[in-house]
PDB file of N, CA and C in Angstrom:
ATOM      1  N   UNK A   1     113.578-135.261 158.322  1.00  0.00           N
ATOM      2  CA  UNK A   1     112.172-135.043 158.047  1.00  0.00           C
ATOM      3  C   UNK A   1     111.334-135.847 159.051  1.00  0.00           C
ATOM      4  N   UNK A   2     110.461-135.145 159.763  1.00  0.00           N
ATOM      5  CA  UNK A   2     109.616-135.834 160.724  1.00  0.00           C
ATOM      6  C   UNK A   2     108.365-136.352 160.036  1.00  0.00           C
ATOM      7  N   UNK A   3     107.941-137.499 160.467  1.00  0.00           N
ATOM      8  CA  UNK A   3     106.760-138.129 159.884  1.00  0.00           C
ATOM      9  C   UNK A   3     105.541-137.776 160.719  1.00  0.00           C
ATOM     10  N   UNK A   4     104.480-137.397 160.055  1.00  0.00           N
ATOM     11  CA  UNK A   4     103.248-137.038 160.748  1.00  0.00           C
ATOM     12  C   UNK A   4     102.473-138.307 161.060  1.00  0.00           C
ATOM     13  N   UNK A   5     102.005-138.401 162.272  1.00  0.00           N
ATOM     14  CA  UNK A   5     101.264-139.582 162.710  1.00  0.00           C
ATOM     15  C   UNK A   5      99.953-139.685 161.925  1.00  0.00           C
ATOM     16  N   UNK A   6      99.551-140.897 161.534  1.00  0.00           N
ATOM     17  CA  UNK A   6      98.298-141.073 160.773  1.00  0.00           C
ATOM     18  C   UNK A   6      97.068-140.505 161.477  1.00  0.00           C
ATOM     19  N   UNK A   7      97.053-140.504 162.782  1.00  0.00           N
ATOM     20  CA  UNK A   7      95.927-139.951 163.538  1.00  0.00           C
ATOM     21  C   UNK A   7      95.768-138.467 163.243  1.00  0.00           C
ATOM     22  N   UNK A   8      96.891-137.736 163.228  1.00  0.00           N
ATOM     23  CA  UNK A   8      96.826-136.309 162.937  1.00  0.00           C
ATOM     24  C   UNK A   8      96.514-136.051 161.470  1.00  0.00           C
ATOM     25  N   UNK A   9      96.980-136.913 160.584  1.00  0.00           N
ATOM     26  CA  UNK A   9      96.657-136.784 159.166  1.00  0.00           C
ATOM     27  C   UNK A   9      95.158-136.918 158.958  1.00  0.00           C
ATOM     28  N   UNK A  10      94.560-137.898 159.610  1.00  0.00           N
ATOM     29  CA  UNK A  10      93.121-138.093 159.505  1.00  0.00           C
ATOM     30  C   UNK A  10      92.368-136.910 160.108  1.00  0.00           C
ATOM     31  N   UNK A  11      92.846-136.406 161.221  1.00  0.00           N
ATOM     32  CA  UNK A  11      92.211-135.243 161.860  1.00  0.00           C
ATOM     33  C   UNK A  11      92.258-134.036 160.925  1.00  0.00           C
ATOM     34  N   UNK A  12      93.390-133.856 160.259  1.00  0.00           N
ATOM     35  CA  UNK A  12      93.555-132.750 159.311  1.00  0.00           C
ATOM     36  C   UNK A  12      92.556-132.894 158.152  1.00  0.00           C
ATOM     37  N   UNK A  13      92.407-134.113 157.623  1.00  0.00           N
ATOM     38  CA  UNK A  13      91.454-134.351 156.528  1.00  0.00           C
ATOM     39  C   UNK A  13      90.021-134.089 156.978  1.00  0.00           C
ATOM     40  N   UNK A  14      89.704-134.478 158.201  1.00  0.00           N
ATOM     41  CA  UNK A  14      88.364-134.274 158.733  1.00  0.00           C
ATOM     42  C   UNK A  14      88.052-132.784 158.862  1.00  0.00           C
ATOM     43  N   UNK A  15      88.967-132.033 159.434  1.00  0.00           N
ATOM     44  CA  UNK A  15      88.761-130.589 159.598  1.00  0.00           C
ATOM     45  C   UNK A  15      88.644-129.926 158.228  1.00  0.00           C
ATOM     46  N   UNK A  16      89.487-130.327 157.312  1.00  0.00           N
ATOM     47  CA  UNK A  16      89.433-129.751 155.969  1.00  0.00           C
ATOM     48  C   UNK A  16      88.081-130.042 155.307  1.00  0.00           C
ATOM     49  N   UNK A  17      87.605-131.269 155.419  1.00  0.00           N
ATOM     50  CA  UNK A  17      86.314-131.635 154.828  1.00  0.00           C
ATOM     51  C   UNK A  17      85.191-130.812 155.450  1.00  0.00           C
ATOM     52  N   UNK A  18      85.234-130.632 156.768  1.00  0.00           N
ATOM     53  CA  UNK A  18      84.190-129.863 157.440  1.00  0.00           C
ATOM     54  C   UNK A  18      84.199-128.400 156.998  1.00  0.00           C
ATOM     55  N   UNK A  19      85.377-127.825 156.899  1.00  0.00           N
ATOM     56  CA  UNK A  19      85.475-126.427 156.483  1.00  0.00           C
ATOM     57  C   UNK A  19      85.015-126.278 155.037  1.00  0.00           C
ATOM     58  N   UNK A  20      85.346-127.230 154.179  1.00  0.00           N
ATOM     59  CA  UNK A  20      84.906-127.168 152.777  1.00  0.00           C
ATOM     60  C   UNK A  20      83.382-127.250 152.667  1.00  0.00           C
ATOM     61  N   UNK A  21      82.758-128.127 153.429  1.00  0.00           N
ATOM     62  CA  UNK A  21      81.295-128.233 153.412  1.00  0.00           C
ATOM     63  C   UNK A  21      80.673-126.909 153.856  1.00  0.00           C
ATOM     64  N   UNK A  22      81.181-126.374 154.943  1.00  0.00           N
ATOM     65  CA  UNK A  22      80.657-125.119 155.477  1.00  0.00           C
ATOM     66  C   UNK A  22      80.830-123.987 154.466  1.00  0.00           C
ATOM     67  N   UNK A  23      82.008-123.859 153.897  1.00  0.00           N
ATOM     68  CA  UNK A  23      82.302-122.782 152.953  1.00  0.00           C
ATOM     69  C   UNK A  23      81.426-122.906 151.709  1.00  0.00           C
ATOM     70  N   UNK A  24      81.299-124.109 151.197  1.00  0.00           N
ATOM     71  CA  UNK A  24      80.472-124.332 150.008  1.00  0.00           C
ATOM     72  C   UNK A  24      79.031-123.885 150.256  1.00  0.00           C
ATOM     73  N   UNK A  25      78.485-124.257 151.410  1.00  0.00           N
ATOM     74  CA  UNK A  25      77.084-123.978 151.689  1.00  0.00           C
ATOM     75  C   UNK A  25      76.812-122.550 152.177  1.00  0.00           C
ATOM     76  N   UNK A  26      77.796-121.922 152.796  1.00  0.00           N
ATOM     77  CA  UNK A  26      77.579-120.574 153.327  1.00  0.00           C
ATOM     78  C   UNK A  26      78.184-119.470 152.467  1.00  0.00           C
ATOM     79  N   UNK A  27      79.266-119.781 151.783  1.00  0.00           N
ATOM     80  CA  UNK A  27      79.960-118.750 151.016  1.00  0.00           C
ATOM     81  C   UNK A  27      79.966-119.039 149.520  1.00  0.00           C
ATOM     82  N   UNK A  28      79.484-120.209 149.127  1.00  0.00           N
ATOM     83  CA  UNK A  28      79.389-120.567 147.715  1.00  0.00           C
ATOM     84  C   UNK A  28      80.693-120.427 146.959  1.00  0.00           C
ATOM     85  N   UNK A  29      81.758-120.936 147.517  1.00  0.00           N
ATOM     86  CA  UNK A  29      83.075-120.696 146.940  1.00  0.00           C
ATOM     87  C   UNK A  29      83.814-121.937 146.430  1.00  0.00           C
ATOM     88  N   UNK A  30      83.127-122.965 145.872  1.00  0.00           N
ATOM     89  CA  UNK A  30      83.923-124.082 145.366  1.00  0.00           C
ATOM     90  C   UNK A  30      84.609-123.699 144.066  1.00  0.00           C
ATOM     91  N   UNK A  31      85.703-124.268 143.667  1.00  0.00           N
ATOM     92  CA  UNK A  31      86.444-125.323 144.343  1.00  0.00           C
ATOM     93  C   UNK A  31      87.419-124.787 145.394  1.00  0.00           C
ATOM     94  N   UNK A  32      87.619-123.494 145.414  1.00  0.00           N
ATOM     95  CA  UNK A  32      88.539-122.921 146.402  1.00  0.00           C
ATOM     96  C   UNK A  32      87.758-122.389 147.598  1.00  0.00           C
ATOM     97  N   UNK A  33      88.453-122.326 148.711  1.00  0.00           N
ATOM     98  CA  UNK A  33      87.853-121.757 149.911  1.00  0.00           C
ATOM     99  C   UNK A  33      87.871-120.238 149.825  1.00  0.00           C
ATOM    100  N   UNK A  34      86.915-119.610 150.472  1.00  0.00           N
ATOM    101  CA  UNK A  34      86.917-118.153 150.568  1.00  0.00           C
ATOM    102  C   UNK A  34      88.075-117.751 151.496  1.00  0.00           C
ATOM    103  N   UNK A  35      88.468-116.485 151.486  1.00  0.00           N
ATOM    104  CA  UNK A  35      89.588-116.054 152.350  1.00  0.00           C
ATOM    105  C   UNK A  35      89.352-116.338 153.830  1.00  0.00           C
ATOM    106  N   UNK A  36      88.120-116.144 154.310  1.00  0.00           N
ATOM    107  CA  UNK A  36      87.821-116.384 155.724  1.00  0.00           C
ATOM    108  C   UNK A  36      88.020-117.854 156.095  1.00  0.00           C
ATOM    109  N   UNK A  37      87.523-118.747 155.241  1.00  0.00           N
ATOM    110  CA  UNK A  37      87.651-120.183 155.516  1.00  0.00           C
ATOM    111  C   UNK A  37      89.091-120.658 155.292  1.00  0.00           C
ATOM    112  N   UNK A  38      89.792-120.050 154.348  1.00  0.00           N
ATOM    113  CA  UNK A  38      91.209-120.378 154.142  1.00  0.00           C
ATOM    114  C   UNK A  38      92.025-120.035 155.378  1.00  0.00           C
ATOM    115  N   UNK A  39      91.706-118.893 155.977  1.00  0.00           N
ATOM    116  CA  UNK A  39      92.392-118.478 157.205  1.00  0.00           C
ATOM    117  C   UNK A  39      92.123-119.479 158.327  1.00  0.00           C
ATOM    118  N   UNK A  40      90.875-119.901 158.458  1.00  0.00           N
ATOM    119  CA  UNK A  40      90.517-120.878 159.493  1.00  0.00           C
ATOM    120  C   UNK A  40      91.222-122.205 159.251  1.00  0.00           C
ATOM    121  N   UNK A  41      91.283-122.636 157.999  1.00  0.00           N
ATOM    122  CA  UNK A  41      91.960-123.889 157.653  1.00  0.00           C
ATOM    123  C   UNK A  41      93.451-123.820 158.004  1.00  0.00           C
ATOM    124  N   UNK A  42      94.093-122.724 157.660  1.00  0.00           N
ATOM    125  CA  UNK A  42      95.515-122.566 157.973  1.00  0.00           C
ATOM    126  C   UNK A  42      95.738-122.554 159.485  1.00  0.00           C
ATOM    127  N   UNK A  43      94.872-121.872 160.207  1.00  0.00           N
ATOM    128  CA  UNK A  43      94.989-121.800 161.659  1.00  0.00           C
ATOM    129  C   UNK A  43      94.818-123.178 162.287  1.00  0.00           C
ATOM    130  N   UNK A  44      93.805-123.914 161.832  1.00  0.00           N
ATOM    131  CA  UNK A  44      93.572-125.264 162.360  1.00  0.00           C
ATOM    132  C   UNK A  44      94.762-126.170 162.068  1.00  0.00           C
ATOM    133  N   UNK A  45      95.357-126.035 160.889  1.00  0.00           N
ATOM    134  CA  UNK A  45      96.543-126.820 160.541  1.00  0.00           C
ATOM    135  C   UNK A  45      97.711-126.528 161.468  1.00  0.00           C
ATOM    136  N   UNK A  46      97.916-125.256 161.777  1.00  0.00           N
ATOM    137  CA  UNK A  46      98.998-124.877 162.695  1.00  0.00           C
ATOM    138  C   UNK A  46      98.763-125.455 164.087  1.00  0.00           C
ATOM    139  N   UNK A  47      97.522-125.411 164.538  1.00  0.00           N
ATOM    140  CA  UNK A  47      97.188-125.960 165.857  1.00  0.00           C
ATOM    141  C   UNK A  47      97.429-127.471 165.890  1.00  0.00           C
ATOM    142  N   UNK A  48      97.074-128.170 164.810  1.00  0.00           N
ATOM    143  CA  UNK A  48      97.317-129.615 164.758  1.00  0.00           C
ATOM    144  C   UNK A  48      98.809-129.914 164.739  1.00  0.00           C
ATOM    145  N   UNK A  49      99.582-129.083 164.042  1.00  0.00           N
ATOM    146  CA  UNK A  49     101.036-129.280 164.005  1.00  0.00           C
ATOM    147  C   UNK A  49     101.659-129.179 165.391  1.00  0.00           C
ATOM    148  N   UNK A  50     101.066-128.383 166.248  1.00  0.00           N
ATOM    149  CA  UNK A  50     101.617-128.167 167.589  1.00  0.00           C
ATOM    150  C   UNK A  50     100.939-129.004 168.665  1.00  0.00           C
ATOM    151  N   UNK A  51     100.076-129.906 168.271  1.00  0.00           N
ATOM    152  CA  UNK A  51      99.341-130.709 169.246  1.00  0.00           C
ATOM    153  C   UNK A  51     100.306-131.544 170.095  1.00  0.00           C
ATOM    154  N   UNK A  52     100.231-131.429 171.416  1.00  0.00           N
ATOM    155  CA  UNK A  52     101.145-132.169 172.277  1.00  0.00           C
ATOM    156  C   UNK A  52     100.788-133.653 172.415  1.00  0.00           C
ATOM    157  N   UNK A  53      99.598-134.063 171.971  1.00  0.00           N
ATOM    158  CA  UNK A  53      99.153-135.432 172.191  1.00  0.00           C
ATOM    159  C   UNK A  53      99.496-136.401 171.067  1.00  0.00           C
ATOM    160  N   UNK A  54      99.625-135.928 169.848  1.00  0.00           N
ATOM    161  CA  UNK A  54      99.927-136.725 168.664  1.00  0.00           C
ATOM    162  C   UNK A  54      99.005-137.936 168.563  1.00  0.00           C
ATOM    163  N   UNK A  55      99.531-139.162 168.744  1.00  0.00           N
ATOM    164  CA  UNK A  55      98.709-140.357 168.523  1.00  0.00           C
ATOM    165  C   UNK A  55      97.634-140.557 169.579  1.00  0.00           C
ATOM    166  N   UNK A  56      97.786-139.972 170.752  1.00  0.00           N
ATOM    167  CA  UNK A  56      96.802-140.118 171.819  1.00  0.00           C
ATOM    168  C   UNK A  56      95.802-138.972 171.818  1.00  0.00           C
ATOM    169  N   UNK A  57      95.815-138.180 170.755  1.00  0.00           N
ATOM    170  CA  UNK A  57      94.986-136.992 170.681  1.00  0.00           C
ATOM    171  C   UNK A  57      93.500-137.319 170.784  1.00  0.00           C
ATOM    172  N   UNK A  58      92.815-136.685 171.726  1.00  0.00           N
ATOM    173  CA  UNK A  58      91.358-136.813 171.773  1.00  0.00           C
ATOM    174  C   UNK A  58      90.758-135.823 170.782  1.00  0.00           C
ATOM    175  N   UNK A  59      89.454-135.845 170.612  1.00  0.00           N
ATOM    176  CA  UNK A  59      88.853-134.796 169.799  1.00  0.00           C
ATOM    177  C   UNK A  59      89.038-133.484 170.563  1.00  0.00           C
ATOM    178  N   UNK A  60      89.043-132.398 169.834  1.00  0.00           N
ATOM    179  CA  UNK A  60      89.314-131.108 170.467  1.00  0.00           C
ATOM    180  C   UNK A  60      88.299-130.777 171.563  1.00  0.00           C
ATOM    181  N   UNK A  61      87.084-131.265 171.423  1.00  0.00           N
ATOM    182  CA  UNK A  61      86.058-131.034 172.443  1.00  0.00           C
ATOM    183  C   UNK A  61      86.461-131.625 173.785  1.00  0.00           C
ATOM    184  N   UNK A  62      87.116-132.781 173.765  1.00  0.00           N
ATOM    185  CA  UNK A  62      87.510-133.473 174.993  1.00  0.00           C
ATOM    186  C   UNK A  62      88.916-133.130 175.457  1.00  0.00           C
ATOM    187  N   UNK A  63      89.579-132.240 174.778  1.00  0.00           N
ATOM    188  CA  UNK A  63      90.977-131.943 175.086  1.00  0.00           C
ATOM    189  C   UNK A  63      91.087-130.972 176.264  1.00  0.00           C
ATOM    190  N   UNK A  64      91.986-131.258 177.208  1.00  0.00           N
ATOM    191  CA  UNK A  64      92.167-130.349 178.334  1.00  0.00           C
ATOM    192  C   UNK A  64      92.967-129.103 177.964  1.00  0.00           C
ATOM    193  N   UNK A  65      93.652-129.121 176.826  1.00  0.00           N
ATOM    194  CA  UNK A  65      94.448-127.985 176.372  1.00  0.00           C
ATOM    195  C   UNK A  65      93.651-127.244 175.307  1.00  0.00           C
ATOM    196  N   UNK A  66      93.241-126.024 175.594  1.00  0.00           N
ATOM    197  CA  UNK A  66      92.494-125.237 174.617  1.00  0.00           C
ATOM    198  C   UNK A  66      93.478-124.367 173.862  1.00  0.00           C
ATOM    199  N   UNK A  67      93.907-124.858 172.707  1.00  0.00           N
ATOM    200  CA  UNK A  67      94.966-124.180 171.976  1.00  0.00           C
ATOM    201  C   UNK A  67      94.446-123.182 170.940  1.00  0.00           C
ATOM    202  N   UNK A  68      93.139-123.130 170.718  1.00  0.00           N
ATOM    203  CA  UNK A  68      92.570-122.159 169.783  1.00  0.00           C
ATOM    204  C   UNK A  68      92.315-120.842 170.507  1.00  0.00           C
ATOM    205  N   UNK A  69      92.552-119.733 169.808  1.00  0.00           N
ATOM    206  CA  UNK A  69      92.153-118.428 170.346  1.00  0.00           C
ATOM    207  C   UNK A  69      90.631-118.424 170.456  1.00  0.00           C
ATOM    208  N   UNK A  70      90.071-117.669 171.367  1.00  0.00           N
ATOM    209  CA  UNK A  70      88.618-117.675 171.546  1.00  0.00           C
ATOM    210  C   UNK A  70      87.822-117.383 170.269  1.00  0.00           C
ATOM    211  N   UNK A  71      88.277-116.428 169.450  1.00  0.00           N
ATOM    212  CA  UNK A  71      87.545-116.114 168.221  1.00  0.00           C
ATOM    213  C   UNK A  71      87.595-117.261 167.226  1.00  0.00           C
ATOM    214  N   UNK A  72      88.751-117.895 167.089  1.00  0.00           N
ATOM    215  CA  UNK A  72      88.883-119.027 166.175  1.00  0.00           C
ATOM    216  C   UNK A  72      88.153-120.248 166.722  1.00  0.00           C
ATOM    217  N   UNK A  73      88.136-120.391 168.011  1.00  0.00           N
ATOM    218  CA  UNK A  73      87.420-121.520 168.622  1.00  0.00           C
ATOM    219  C   UNK A  73      85.917-121.416 168.329  1.00  0.00           C
ATOM    220  N   UNK A  74      85.404-120.198 168.409  1.00  0.00           N
ATOM    221  CA  UNK A  74      83.998-119.988 168.097  1.00  0.00           C
ATOM    222  C   UNK A  74      83.720-120.283 166.621  1.00  0.00           C
ATOM    223  N   UNK A  75      84.617-119.868 165.742  1.00  0.00           N
ATOM    224  CA  UNK A  75      84.426-120.120 164.307  1.00  0.00           C
ATOM    225  C   UNK A  75      84.462-121.609 163.985  1.00  0.00           C
ATOM    226  N   UNK A  76      85.419-122.346 164.563  1.00  0.00           N
ATOM    227  CA  UNK A  76      85.515-123.776 164.267  1.00  0.00           C
ATOM    228  C   UNK A  76      84.328-124.520 164.869  1.00  0.00           C
ATOM    229  N   UNK A  77      83.821-124.070 165.998  1.00  0.00           N
ATOM    230  CA  UNK A  77      82.613-124.670 166.580  1.00  0.00           C
ATOM    231  C   UNK A  77      81.429-124.511 165.636  1.00  0.00           C
ATOM    232  N   UNK A  78      81.291-123.311 165.087  1.00  0.00           N
ATOM    233  CA  UNK A  78      80.203-123.050 164.149  1.00  0.00           C
ATOM    234  C   UNK A  78      80.314-123.955 162.920  1.00  0.00           C
ATOM    235  N   UNK A  79      81.530-124.087 162.404  1.00  0.00           N
ATOM    236  CA  UNK A  79      81.774-124.949 161.244  1.00  0.00           C
ATOM    237  C   UNK A  79      81.428-126.393 161.584  1.00  0.00           C
ATOM    238  N   UNK A  80      81.891-126.877 162.715  1.00  0.00           N
ATOM    239  CA  UNK A  80      81.666-128.273 163.087  1.00  0.00           C
ATOM    240  C   UNK A  80      80.201-128.548 163.400  1.00  0.00           C
ATOM    241  N   UNK A  81      79.552-127.595 164.025  1.00  0.00           N
ATOM    242  CA  UNK A  81      78.133-127.766 164.335  1.00  0.00           C
ATOM    243  C   UNK A  81      77.315-127.901 163.045  1.00  0.00           C
ATOM    244  N   UNK A  82      77.685-127.143 162.026  1.00  0.00           N
ATOM    245  CA  UNK A  82      76.968-127.221 160.757  1.00  0.00           C
ATOM    246  C   UNK A  82      77.392-128.452 159.949  1.00  0.00           C
ATOM    247  N   UNK A  83      78.679-128.670 159.831  1.00  0.00           N
ATOM    248  CA  UNK A  83      79.206-129.699 158.932  1.00  0.00           C
ATOM    249  C   UNK A  83      79.139-131.109 159.500  1.00  0.00           C
ATOM    250  N   UNK A  84      79.212-131.245 160.799  1.00  0.00           N
ATOM    251  CA  UNK A  84      79.236-132.567 161.412  1.00  0.00           C
ATOM    252  C   UNK A  84      78.140-133.497 160.929  1.00  0.00           C
ATOM    253  N   UNK A  85      76.870-133.078 161.024  1.00  0.00           N
ATOM    254  CA  UNK A  85      75.797-133.964 160.565  1.00  0.00           C
ATOM    255  C   UNK A  85      75.839-134.238 159.060  1.00  0.00           C
ATOM    256  N   UNK A  86      76.414-133.346 158.281  1.00  0.00           N
ATOM    257  CA  UNK A  86      76.468-133.505 156.826  1.00  0.00           C
ATOM    258  C   UNK A  86      77.643-134.368 156.373  1.00  0.00           C
ATOM    259  N   UNK A  87      78.588-134.581 157.275  1.00  0.00           N
ATOM    260  CA  UNK A  87      79.770-135.383 156.941  1.00  0.00           C
ATOM    261  C   UNK A  87      79.408-136.826 156.610  1.00  0.00           C
ATOM    262  N   UNK A  88      78.390-137.347 157.223  1.00  0.00           N
ATOM    263  CA  UNK A  88      78.035-138.757 157.031  1.00  0.00           C
ATOM    264  C   UNK A  88      77.714-139.047 155.569  1.00  0.00           C
ATOM    265  N   UNK A  89      77.206-138.064 154.829  1.00  0.00           N
ATOM    266  CA  UNK A  89      76.843-138.276 153.427  1.00  0.00           C
ATOM    267  C   UNK A  89      78.021-138.100 152.486  1.00  0.00           C
ATOM    268  N   UNK A  90      78.890-137.141 152.767  1.00  0.00           N
ATOM    269  CA  UNK A  90      79.988-136.872 151.839  1.00  0.00           C
ATOM    270  C   UNK A  90      81.302-137.552 152.231  1.00  0.00           C
ATOM    271  N   UNK A  91      81.501-137.808 153.506  1.00  0.00           N
ATOM    272  CA  UNK A  91      82.736-138.422 154.001  1.00  0.00           C
ATOM    273  C   UNK A  91      82.407-139.400 155.124  1.00  0.00           C
ATOM    274  N   UNK A  92      81.754-140.516 154.805  1.00  0.00           N
ATOM    275  CA  UNK A  92      81.271-141.415 155.876  1.00  0.00           C
ATOM    276  C   UNK A  92      82.373-142.008 156.748  1.00  0.00           C
ATOM    277  N   UNK A  93      83.526-142.343 156.171  1.00  0.00           N
ATOM    278  CA  UNK A  93      84.595-142.938 156.988  1.00  0.00           C
ATOM    279  C   UNK A  93      85.200-141.906 157.925  1.00  0.00           C
ATOM    280  N   UNK A  94      85.457-140.710 157.415  1.00  0.00           N
ATOM    281  CA  UNK A  94      85.978-139.656 158.287  1.00  0.00           C
ATOM    282  C   UNK A  94      84.976-139.338 159.393  1.00  0.00           C
ATOM    283  N   UNK A  95      83.691-139.307 159.046  1.00  0.00           N
ATOM    284  CA  UNK A  95      82.656-139.021 160.042  1.00  0.00           C
ATOM    285  C   UNK A  95      82.635-140.102 161.128  1.00  0.00           C
ATOM    286  N   UNK A  96      82.712-141.360 160.708  1.00  0.00           N
ATOM    287  CA  UNK A  96      82.694-142.461 161.677  1.00  0.00           C
ATOM    288  C   UNK A  96      83.908-142.401 162.604  1.00  0.00           C
ATOM    289  N   UNK A  97      85.089-142.177 162.041  1.00  0.00           N
ATOM    290  CA  UNK A  97      86.285-142.076 162.883  1.00  0.00           C
ATOM    291  C   UNK A  97      86.201-140.869 163.807  1.00  0.00           C
ATOM    292  N   UNK A  98      85.620-139.772 163.323  1.00  0.00           N
ATOM    293  CA  UNK A  98      85.490-138.583 164.162  1.00  0.00           C
ATOM    294  C   UNK A  98      84.572-138.870 165.354  1.00  0.00           C
ATOM    295  N   UNK A  99      83.502-139.608 165.113  1.00  0.00           N
ATOM    296  CA  UNK A  99      82.614-139.994 166.215  1.00  0.00           C
ATOM    297  C   UNK A  99      83.334-140.898 167.217  1.00  0.00           C
ATOM    298  N   UNK A 100      84.109-141.843 166.704  1.00  0.00           N
ATOM    299  CA  UNK A 100      84.876-142.724 167.597  1.00  0.00           C
ATOM    300  C   UNK A 100      85.923-141.937 168.379  1.00  0.00           C
ATOM    301  N   UNK A 101      86.602-141.018 167.691  1.00  0.00           N
ATOM    302  CA  UNK A 101      87.613-140.201 168.364  1.00  0.00           C
ATOM    303  C   UNK A 101      86.980-139.334 169.453  1.00  0.00           C
ATOM    304  N   UNK A 102      85.724-138.938 169.248  1.00  0.00           N
ATOM    305  CA  UNK A 102      85.019-138.136 170.243  1.00  0.00           C
ATOM    306  C   UNK A 102      84.794-138.890 171.539  1.00  0.00           C
ATOM    307  N   UNK A 103      84.820-140.201 171.483  1.00  0.00           N
ATOM    308  CA  UNK A 103      84.641-141.026 172.681  1.00  0.00           C
ATOM    309  C   UNK A 103      85.966-141.290 173.401  1.00  0.00           C
ATOM    310  N   UNK A 104      87.060-140.935 172.764  1.00  0.00           N
ATOM    311  CA  UNK A 104      88.391-141.153 173.332  1.00  0.00           C
ATOM    312  C   UNK A 104      88.624-140.221 174.510  1.00  0.00           C
ATOM    313  N   UNK A 105      89.119-140.751 175.583  1.00  0.00           N
ATOM    314  CA  UNK A 105      89.441-139.947 176.764  1.00  0.00           C
ATOM    315  C   UNK A 105      90.787-139.276 176.566  1.00  0.00           C
ATOM    316  N   UNK A 106      90.886-138.073 177.051  1.00  0.00           N
ATOM    317  CA  UNK A 106      92.139-137.336 176.946  1.00  0.00           C
ATOM    318  C   UNK A 106      93.126-137.843 177.989  1.00  0.00           C
ATOM    319  N   UNK A 107      94.376-138.066 177.593  1.00  0.00           N
ATOM    320  CA  UNK A 107      95.383-138.440 178.588  1.00  0.00           C
ATOM    321  C   UNK A 107      95.662-137.253 179.517  1.00  0.00           C
ATOM    322  N   UNK A 108      96.211-137.527 180.653  1.00  0.00           N
ATOM    323  CA  UNK A 108      96.537-136.465 181.603  1.00  0.00           C
ATOM    324  C   UNK A 108      97.546-135.511 180.974  1.00  0.00           C
ATOM    325  N   UNK A 109      97.321-134.230 181.170  1.00  0.00           N
ATOM    326  CA  UNK A 109      98.191-133.216 180.581  1.00  0.00           C
ATOM    327  C   UNK A 109      99.389-132.975 181.475  1.00  0.00           C
ATOM    328  N   UNK A 110     100.567-133.052 180.866  1.00  0.00           N
ATOM    329  CA  UNK A 110     101.797-132.653 181.550  1.00  0.00           C
ATOM    330  C   UNK A 110     102.495-131.677 180.637  1.00  0.00           C
ATOM    331  N   UNK A 111     102.879-130.558 181.188  1.00  0.00           N
ATOM    332  CA  UNK A 111     103.553-129.528 180.399  1.00  0.00           C
ATOM    333  C   UNK A 111     104.898-130.054 179.925  1.00  0.00           C
ATOM    334  N   UNK A 112     105.310-129.700 178.693  1.00  0.00           N
ATOM    335  CA  UNK A 112     106.614-130.131 178.211  1.00  0.00           C
ATOM    336  C   UNK A 112     107.731-129.504 179.040  1.00  0.00           C
ATOM    337  N   UNK A 113     108.796-130.252 179.217  1.00  0.00           N
ATOM    338  CA  UNK A 113     109.936-129.747 179.955  1.00  0.00           C
ATOM    339  C   UNK A 113     111.045-129.404 178.968  1.00  0.00           C
ATOM    340  N   UNK A 114     112.092-128.776 179.473  1.00  0.00           N
ATOM    341  CA  UNK A 114     113.213-128.435 178.593  1.00  0.00           C
ATOM    342  C   UNK A 114     113.908-129.688 178.093  1.00  0.00           C
ATOM    343  N   UNK A 115     113.835-130.788 178.838  1.00  0.00           N
ATOM    344  CA  UNK A 115     114.426-132.044 178.391  1.00  0.00           C
ATOM    345  C   UNK A 115     113.721-132.566 177.157  1.00  0.00           C
ATOM    346  N   UNK A 116     112.422-132.280 177.034  1.00  0.00           N
ATOM    347  CA  UNK A 116     111.663-132.740 175.873  1.00  0.00           C
ATOM    348  C   UNK A 116     112.068-131.992 174.607  1.00  0.00           C
ATOM    349  N   UNK A 117     112.806-130.906 174.776  1.00  0.00           N
ATOM    350  CA  UNK A 117     113.250-130.149 173.623  1.00  0.00           C
ATOM    351  C   UNK A 117     112.159-129.292 173.020  1.00  0.00           C
ATOM    352  N   UNK A 118     111.203-128.912 173.829  1.00  0.00           N
ATOM    353  CA  UNK A 118     110.093-128.082 173.318  1.00  0.00           C
ATOM    354  C   UNK A 118     110.065-126.751 173.980  1.00  0.00           C
TER     355      UNK A 118
END
């Protein structure tokens, strides 16, 4: 069993909180997410699972690897643009860490090799 790095766990919680805020305010679907937002949440989770940076992960805005499909990237941007300012009231610690992570520089990208087992 592989252990998920705390950085990615926090990133997952942040994305989930943002999607929940957006869904609640735009689709009125608490306590469950609407199908559209559930799909986005699942997609974002898969992308985080495959993140090549793990503990050195920058915020997705600063990442040199664009792993989201263009349509999903536009949807998550819309969610983050709306939810980001509202996070400070409902999730202040996640919001603060997200702001700090946004200042993190992305490490140089090197494609995985066959030796890496990927």
